[in-house]
Protein backbone atom coordinates (compact mmCIF):
# COMPACT_ATOMS: atom_id res chain seq x y z
CA MET A 1 85.98 134.41 68.37
CA ASN A 2 89.71 134.19 69.08
CA VAL A 3 89.54 135.00 72.79
CA GLU A 4 93.27 134.94 73.50
CA GLY A 5 94.14 136.88 70.36
CA LEU A 6 91.64 139.57 71.29
CA ARG A 7 92.80 139.62 74.90
CA HIS A 8 96.43 140.16 73.98
CA GLN A 9 95.63 143.09 71.69
CA TYR A 10 95.03 144.96 74.94
CA ARG A 11 97.95 143.66 76.96
CA PRO A 12 99.93 146.61 78.39
CA GLU A 13 103.66 146.87 77.91
CA LYS A 14 103.95 146.77 81.71
CA ILE A 15 101.13 145.13 83.66
CA SER A 16 100.84 146.96 86.95
CA THR A 17 97.45 145.53 87.96
CA LEU A 18 96.37 142.04 86.93
CA PHE A 19 92.68 141.22 87.20
CA VAL A 20 91.90 137.49 87.19
CA GLY A 21 88.49 136.13 86.23
CA GLU A 22 87.33 132.53 86.34
CA SER A 23 87.13 131.99 82.57
CA ALA A 24 85.66 133.54 79.46
CA PRO A 25 81.87 132.90 79.56
CA ALA A 26 80.50 129.85 77.73
CA GLY A 27 77.80 131.94 76.06
CA GLY A 28 80.25 133.72 73.77
CA THR A 29 80.46 137.07 75.56
CA PHE A 30 83.88 138.35 76.62
CA PHE A 31 85.36 141.31 78.48
CA TYR A 32 87.61 142.30 75.59
CA ALA A 33 84.71 141.95 73.13
CA GLU A 34 82.95 144.70 75.15
CA ASN A 35 79.79 142.66 75.62
CA SER A 36 80.06 140.93 79.00
CA GLN A 37 78.88 141.72 82.52
CA MET A 38 82.51 142.01 83.59
CA TYR A 39 83.08 144.66 80.91
CA ARG A 40 79.95 146.63 81.82
CA TYR A 41 80.62 146.85 85.54
CA MET A 42 84.40 147.19 85.33
CA ARG A 43 83.92 150.13 82.98
CA GLU A 44 81.48 151.65 85.44
CA VAL A 45 83.85 151.50 88.42
CA PHE A 46 86.56 153.12 86.29
CA GLY A 47 84.24 156.06 85.58
CA ASN A 48 82.73 155.02 82.20
CA PRO A 49 85.50 156.57 80.09
CA PRO A 50 85.16 156.56 76.29
CA ASP A 51 87.19 153.79 74.62
CA PHE A 52 87.34 151.99 77.95
CA LEU A 53 89.58 149.12 76.85
CA SER A 54 92.30 151.52 75.72
CA HIS A 55 91.87 153.46 78.97
CA PHE A 56 92.11 150.23 80.97
CA MET A 57 95.32 149.28 79.14
CA SER A 58 96.78 152.79 79.59
CA LYS A 59 96.46 152.33 83.35
CA GLY A 60 98.56 149.16 83.19
CA CYS A 61 95.50 146.96 83.79
CA PHE A 62 95.03 143.56 82.20
CA LEU A 63 92.33 140.92 82.63
CA ASP A 64 93.42 137.30 82.40
CA ASP A 65 91.52 134.17 83.47
CA LEU A 66 92.38 131.39 85.84
CA VAL A 67 90.95 128.79 83.43
CA LEU A 68 91.57 129.42 79.74
CA THR A 69 88.48 127.53 78.52
CA PRO A 70 84.87 128.34 79.53
CA VAL A 71 83.76 126.62 82.74
CA ASN A 72 80.88 128.76 84.02
CA HIS A 73 78.34 126.30 82.53
CA ARG A 74 79.81 123.31 84.37
CA SER A 75 78.96 121.87 87.81
CA ASP A 76 80.54 123.26 90.96
CA ALA A 77 82.66 120.12 91.33
CA GLU A 78 83.90 120.36 87.74
CA ARG A 79 84.64 124.05 88.11
CA GLY A 80 86.57 123.45 91.32
CA ALA A 81 88.65 120.75 89.63
CA ALA A 82 89.35 123.09 86.72
CA HIS A 83 90.43 125.83 89.14
CA ARG A 84 92.94 123.51 90.82
CA ALA A 85 94.24 122.14 87.52
CA SER A 86 94.84 125.68 86.22
CA ILE A 87 97.00 126.87 89.12
CA PRO A 88 100.36 125.99 87.47
CA SER A 89 99.42 127.79 84.24
CA LEU A 90 98.31 130.92 86.08
CA ALA A 91 101.47 130.82 88.22
CA ASP A 92 103.59 130.83 85.05
CA ARG A 93 101.67 133.79 83.67
CA ILE A 94 101.93 135.76 86.92
CA ALA A 95 105.68 135.16 86.94
CA GLU A 96 105.83 136.45 83.35
CA TYR A 97 103.65 139.51 83.98
CA SER A 98 105.28 140.56 87.30
CA PRO A 99 102.29 142.71 88.34
CA LEU A 100 102.36 144.98 91.38
CA ALA A 101 98.76 144.13 92.31
CA ILE A 102 96.42 141.23 91.56
CA VAL A 103 92.63 141.30 91.88
CA ALA A 104 90.64 138.06 91.69
CA VAL A 105 87.12 138.81 90.43
CA LEU A 106 85.11 135.96 91.97
CA LYS A 107 85.28 134.83 95.58
CA LYS A 108 85.38 131.13 94.64
CA ILE A 109 88.62 131.46 92.70
CA GLY A 110 90.37 133.36 95.50
CA PRO A 111 92.21 130.35 97.00
CA ALA A 112 93.41 129.07 93.62
CA VAL A 113 94.67 132.51 92.59
CA GLU A 114 96.44 132.92 95.93
CA GLU A 115 98.15 129.56 95.47
CA ALA A 116 99.27 130.60 91.98
CA ILE A 117 100.70 133.84 93.41
CA PHE A 118 102.62 131.83 95.98
CA ARG A 119 103.99 129.41 93.38
CA ALA A 120 105.06 132.35 91.20
CA SER A 121 106.97 133.84 94.18
CA SER A 122 105.12 137.06 93.44
CA SER A 123 105.09 139.88 95.96
CA ALA A 124 102.02 141.54 94.40
CA GLN A 125 99.37 143.02 96.65
CA TYR A 126 96.36 140.69 96.47
CA TYR A 127 92.65 141.46 96.63
CA VAL A 128 89.51 139.38 96.06
CA VAL A 129 86.19 140.92 95.04
CA ALA A 130 82.76 139.60 94.18
CA PHE A 131 81.89 138.90 90.55
CA PRO A 132 79.39 141.51 89.24
CA GLY A 133 76.58 139.05 88.53
CA ASN A 134 73.87 137.01 90.24
CA GLY A 135 72.85 139.92 92.43
CA GLN A 136 76.43 140.75 93.50
CA GLN A 137 76.74 143.91 91.40
CA GLY A 138 76.35 146.23 94.39
CA ARG A 139 78.93 144.29 96.37
CA PHE A 140 81.34 144.47 93.42
CA ARG A 141 80.87 148.25 93.21
CA ARG A 142 81.52 148.71 96.94
CA GLU A 143 84.58 146.47 97.04
CA MET A 144 86.09 148.00 93.92
CA ALA A 145 85.46 151.52 95.23
CA THR A 146 87.69 150.61 98.17
CA ILE A 147 90.37 148.89 96.10
CA VAL A 148 90.76 151.08 92.99
CA PRO A 149 92.36 154.05 94.84
CA LYS A 150 95.04 151.66 96.16
CA LEU A 151 95.95 150.13 92.82
CA PRO A 152 99.27 151.07 91.17
CA LEU A 153 97.68 152.42 88.01
CA ASN A 154 100.28 153.36 85.39
CA PRO A 155 99.49 156.70 83.73
CA GLN A 156 101.45 156.00 80.54
CA SER A 157 101.36 152.25 79.85
CA ARG A 158 101.49 151.26 76.19
CA ALA A 159 100.54 148.12 74.31
CA HIS A 160 102.80 145.15 74.99
CA VAL A 161 105.49 144.30 72.47
CA PRO A 162 106.71 140.69 73.02
CA THR A 163 110.33 140.50 74.15
CA ASN A 164 112.65 138.06 75.84
CA VAL A 165 113.72 140.67 78.37
CA SER A 166 111.73 140.60 81.62
CA SER A 167 111.47 143.42 84.13
CA THR A 168 113.19 143.00 87.47
CA SER A 169 112.09 146.33 88.91
CA LYS A 170 110.81 146.24 92.46
CA LEU A 171 109.69 149.87 92.46
CA SER A 172 106.10 151.04 92.44
CA PRO A 173 104.76 154.43 91.31
CA THR A 174 104.54 155.52 94.95
CA GLY A 175 107.58 153.97 96.60
CA ARG A 176 109.67 150.88 97.29
CA ARG A 177 107.90 147.58 97.86
CA MET A 178 109.04 145.64 100.93
CA GLU A 179 107.97 142.31 102.34
CA LEU A 180 106.86 142.36 105.97
CA ARG A 181 109.92 140.40 107.03
CA GLU A 182 112.16 143.07 105.45
CA VAL A 183 110.35 145.83 107.32
CA LEU A 184 110.66 143.94 110.62
CA ALA A 185 114.38 143.31 110.14
CA SER A 186 115.00 146.98 109.31
CA HIS A 187 113.51 147.88 112.70
CA GLY A 188 115.49 145.26 114.57
CA ILE A 189 112.53 142.93 115.07
CA THR A 190 113.92 139.48 114.38
CA SER A 191 113.09 137.31 117.39
CA PRO A 192 110.35 134.72 116.73
CA ASP A 193 108.26 135.99 119.67
CA ASP A 194 108.30 139.59 118.45
CA VAL A 195 107.59 138.52 114.89
CA ARG A 196 104.55 136.56 116.08
CA VAL A 197 103.26 139.57 118.06
CA VAL A 198 103.53 141.80 115.00
CA GLY A 199 102.05 139.11 112.76
CA LYS A 200 99.02 138.76 115.02
CA SER A 201 98.42 142.52 114.98
CA VAL A 202 98.89 142.73 111.22
CA ARG A 203 96.43 139.89 110.67
CA GLY A 204 93.83 141.53 112.87
CA LYS A 205 94.13 145.07 111.53
CA LEU A 206 95.31 144.79 107.94
CA ARG A 207 94.35 141.33 106.64
CA LYS A 208 91.28 142.52 104.73
CA ARG A 209 93.33 145.19 102.99
CA ILE A 210 96.53 143.27 102.29
CA LEU A 211 95.13 139.83 101.38
CA GLY A 212 98.52 138.63 100.23
CA HIS A 213 100.24 135.32 100.72
CA SER A 214 98.98 132.96 103.39
CA HIS A 215 102.39 133.42 105.01
CA TYR A 216 102.05 136.87 106.56
CA GLU A 217 105.82 137.48 106.62
CA ARG A 218 105.64 137.61 102.80
CA TRP A 219 102.91 140.25 102.65
CA THR A 220 104.21 143.33 100.89
CA PHE A 221 103.84 147.01 101.67
CA ILE A 222 104.43 150.05 99.49
CA ASP A 223 106.52 152.66 101.28
CA GLY A 224 104.30 155.65 102.06
CA SER A 225 100.99 153.80 101.62
CA PRO A 226 98.32 153.95 104.38
CA GLU A 227 98.94 150.26 105.13
CA HIS A 228 102.68 150.88 105.49
CA ASP A 229 102.04 153.81 107.86
CA GLU A 230 99.72 151.67 109.97
CA LEU A 231 102.32 148.90 110.04
CA LEU A 232 104.90 151.36 111.37
CA GLN A 233 102.50 152.27 114.18
CA ILE A 234 102.13 148.59 115.05
CA LEU A 235 105.93 148.25 115.12
CA ALA A 236 106.25 151.34 117.32
CA ASN A 237 103.87 149.81 119.84
CA VAL A 238 105.80 146.53 119.86
CA LEU A 239 109.11 148.30 120.37
CA LYS A 240 107.66 150.49 123.13
CA ASN A 241 106.45 147.45 125.04
CA LYS A 242 109.70 145.47 124.76
């Protein structure tokens, strides 16, 4: 089976949400072959639509893998080494795709995917969910039920046609995307002490929902989103207490 050829038949013209798995399974199953656990449970959380792969693509969703050769049959140490070695490749692909949101589908790959996002200088919202296997199916359902309503799902995305022109748009379907440091500056919060106060509050209240770069000043917010509204409340409290 030509895994990458099959995968790219379903690449959207504009990838709004990039899902990242560990690798294609060693046993020969594959998400885009419609015969893997990932396929079964991802289809379920999207409502079991007919022709799911076309539906998934139409929403601007694309599943890529951190490691482009199967590693799920290897030892934990070998898998970890493969994760680290694959960071530059994934960073290049993230830079090419320019997604608005990224979802890592396996807790163990979370740090490697986050490092790739950082290296790609991506401002995508970042989430990590459990892989739907080994008894984690219920956890996957619960975490995805929370995340899916927040994803920037394109209603009209078409199949990708290769081109040398890359998108530079910073707009989302619901509003402008701004890094935390931009939001702070627009409200006159620039002193290191005030930035630290806001950063501490953001970490405590929004970390599990933002899950972006390790550097909190680079976390991004979509104007009008619940997270953005909560951030504005945090800023209001800081300004009131100055």
